[in-house]
Amino acid sequence: MEKKYFYSNCFLESVKAWVKQPMNITIKKRGTWKMLYRKKKFPHFYWLDKQTGKHYDFARDKEFLTFKEQLLFKGFVREIRYMMFFGH
């Protein structure tokens, strides 16, 4: 899948996916405590497509973003492997 870059954030993209298919999308939040463990200060949102069983999030190439940068940054929607996403 080719990366298509645009400006957004993980929360907005989760909500957009839910608005398009409210019965099939579940929004999830990776807790702040887990983000602190990984030296990140902000929660991260992702979504589960219940029809396909796949998880998606809005990602970026840059590893660390400041609070201001978290509000709107250039990134892409990616499919994530659930276990890899949580570091298992």
C-alpha atoms as a PDB file:
ATOM      1  CA  MET A   1       0.000   0.000   0.000  1.00  0.00           C
ATOM      2  CA  GLU A   2       1.437   3.349  -1.057  1.00  0.00           C
ATOM      3  CA  LYS A   3       1.651   6.046   1.620  1.00  0.00           C
ATOM      4  CA  LYS A   4      -0.642   8.991   0.880  1.00  0.00           C
ATOM      5  CA  TYR A   5       0.476  11.941   2.987  1.00  0.00           C
ATOM      6  CA  PHE A   6      -1.902  14.634   4.257  1.00  0.00           C
ATOM      7  CA  TYR A   7      -2.329  16.844   7.333  1.00  0.00           C
ATOM      8  CA  SER A   8      -4.412  15.519  10.220  1.00  0.00           C
ATOM      9  CA  ASN A   9      -3.952  13.719  13.555  1.00  0.00           C
ATOM     10  CA  CYS A  10      -4.786  10.292  14.969  1.00  0.00           C
ATOM     11  CA  PHE A  11      -7.948  11.437  16.769  1.00  0.00           C
ATOM     12  CA  LEU A  12      -9.432  13.172  13.715  1.00  0.00           C
ATOM     13  CA  GLU A  13      -8.749  10.181  11.475  1.00  0.00           C
ATOM     14  CA  SER A  14     -10.346   7.803  14.001  1.00  0.00           C
ATOM     15  CA  VAL A  15     -13.470   9.957  14.128  1.00  0.00           C
ATOM     16  CA  LYS A  16     -13.598  10.252  10.321  1.00  0.00           C
ATOM     17  CA  ALA A  17     -13.465   6.457   9.998  1.00  0.00           C
ATOM     18  CA  TRP A  18     -16.238   6.088  12.595  1.00  0.00           C
ATOM     19  CA  VAL A  19     -18.471   8.694  10.893  1.00  0.00           C
ATOM     20  CA  LYS A  20     -18.182   6.810   7.596  1.00  0.00           C
ATOM     21  CA  GLN A  21     -19.072   3.411   9.142  1.00  0.00           C
ATOM     22  CA  PRO A  22     -20.397   3.827  12.709  1.00  0.00           C
ATOM     23  CA  MET A  23     -21.569   0.219  12.985  1.00  0.00           C
ATOM     24  CA  ASN A  24     -18.250  -1.268  11.817  1.00  0.00           C
ATOM     25  CA  ILE A  25     -15.638   0.983  13.450  1.00  0.00           C
ATOM     26  CA  THR A  26     -14.519   0.976  17.069  1.00  0.00           C
ATOM     27  CA  ILE A  27     -12.227   3.786  18.215  1.00  0.00           C
ATOM     28  CA  LYS A  28      -9.531   2.750  20.672  1.00  0.00           C
ATOM     29  CA  LYS A  29      -7.068   4.785  22.725  1.00  0.00           C
ATOM     30  CA  ARG A  30      -3.638   3.670  23.777  1.00  0.00           C
ATOM     31  CA  GLY A  31      -3.365   4.928  27.329  1.00  0.00           C
ATOM     32  CA  THR A  32      -1.134   7.756  28.413  1.00  0.00           C
ATOM     33  CA  TRP A  33       0.724   5.491  30.870  1.00  0.00           C
ATOM     34  CA  LYS A  34       1.829   3.257  28.009  1.00  0.00           C
ATOM     35  CA  MET A  35       2.885   6.313  26.040  1.00  0.00           C
ATOM     36  CA  LEU A  36       4.942   7.565  29.001  1.00  0.00           C
ATOM     37  CA  TYR A  37       6.662   4.182  29.100  1.00  0.00           C
ATOM     38  CA  ARG A  38       7.683   4.821  25.499  1.00  0.00           C
ATOM     39  CA  LYS A  39       8.695   8.413  26.403  1.00  0.00           C
ATOM     40  CA  LYS A  40       5.713   9.997  24.673  1.00  0.00           C
ATOM     41  CA  LYS A  41       3.463  12.337  26.606  1.00  0.00           C
ATOM     42  CA  PHE A  42       0.216  12.113  24.664  1.00  0.00           C
ATOM     43  CA  PRO A  43      -2.438   9.426  24.148  1.00  0.00           C
ATOM     44  CA  HIS A  44      -2.685   7.779  20.744  1.00  0.00           C
ATOM     45  CA  PHE A  45      -5.966   6.906  18.999  1.00  0.00           C
ATOM     46  CA  TYR A  46      -6.479   4.100  16.502  1.00  0.00           C
ATOM     47  CA  TRP A  47      -9.488   2.229  15.138  1.00  0.00           C
ATOM     48  CA  LEU A  48     -10.639  -1.311  14.534  1.00  0.00           C
ATOM     49  CA  ASP A  49     -12.626  -2.221  11.442  1.00  0.00           C
ATOM     50  CA  LYS A  50     -14.880  -4.989  12.776  1.00  0.00           C
ATOM     51  CA  GLN A  51     -15.719  -6.261   9.265  1.00  0.00           C
ATOM     52  CA  THR A  52     -12.112  -6.999   8.346  1.00  0.00           C
ATOM     53  CA  GLY A  53     -10.634  -7.353  11.842  1.00  0.00           C
ATOM     54  CA  LYS A  54      -7.842  -4.905  10.924  1.00  0.00           C
ATOM     55  CA  HIS A  55      -6.479  -2.055  13.031  1.00  0.00           C
ATOM     56  CA  TYR A  56      -5.509   1.321  11.541  1.00  0.00           C
ATOM     57  CA  ASP A  57      -3.895   4.499  12.793  1.00  0.00           C
ATOM     58  CA  PHE A  58      -2.571   7.824  11.532  1.00  0.00           C
ATOM     59  CA  ALA A  59       1.205   7.720  11.556  1.00  0.00           C
ATOM     60  CA  ARG A  60       4.184   9.839  10.593  1.00  0.00           C
ATOM     61  CA  ASP A  61       7.787   9.260   9.651  1.00  0.00           C
ATOM     62  CA  LYS A  62       9.161  11.537  12.385  1.00  0.00           C
ATOM     63  CA  GLU A  63       9.479   9.718  15.729  1.00  0.00           C
ATOM     64  CA  PHE A  64       8.828  12.505  18.241  1.00  0.00           C
ATOM     65  CA  LEU A  65       6.349  15.372  17.933  1.00  0.00           C
ATOM     66  CA  THR A  66       5.855  18.256  20.341  1.00  0.00           C
ATOM     67  CA  PHE A  67       2.389  18.983  21.729  1.00  0.00           C
ATOM     68  CA  LYS A  68       1.829  21.682  19.129  1.00  0.00           C
ATOM     69  CA  GLU A  69       2.921  19.363  16.327  1.00  0.00           C
ATOM     70  CA  GLN A  70       0.537  16.644  17.601  1.00  0.00           C
ATOM     71  CA  LEU A  71      -2.469  18.839  16.821  1.00  0.00           C
ATOM     72  CA  LEU A  72      -1.882  18.783  13.066  1.00  0.00           C
ATOM     73  CA  PHE A  73       0.937  17.010  11.266  1.00  0.00           C
ATOM     74  CA  LYS A  74       1.740  15.465   7.909  1.00  0.00           C
ATOM     75  CA  GLY A  75       1.219  11.734   8.023  1.00  0.00           C
ATOM     76  CA  PHE A  76      -0.577   8.761   6.505  1.00  0.00           C
ATOM     77  CA  VAL A  77      -3.130   6.092   7.427  1.00  0.00           C
ATOM     78  CA  ARG A  78      -1.550   2.701   7.952  1.00  0.00           C
ATOM     79  CA  GLU A  79      -2.739  -0.782   8.812  1.00  0.00           C
ATOM     80  CA  ILE A  80      -1.122  -2.017  11.999  1.00  0.00           C
ATOM     81  CA  ARG A  81      -0.643  -5.480  13.379  1.00  0.00           C
ATOM     82  CA  TYR A  82      -2.342  -5.412  16.778  1.00  0.00           C
ATOM     83  CA  MET A  83       0.310  -7.355  18.709  1.00  0.00           C
ATOM     84  CA  MET A  84       3.189  -5.421  17.112  1.00  0.00           C
ATOM     85  CA  PHE A  85       1.426  -2.156  17.895  1.00  0.00           C
ATOM     86  CA  PHE A  86       1.461  -2.898  21.614  1.00  0.00           C
ATOM     87  CA  GLY A  87       5.018  -4.158  21.631  1.00  0.00           C
ATOM     88  CA  HIS A  88       4.246  -7.851  22.250  1.00  0.00           C
END
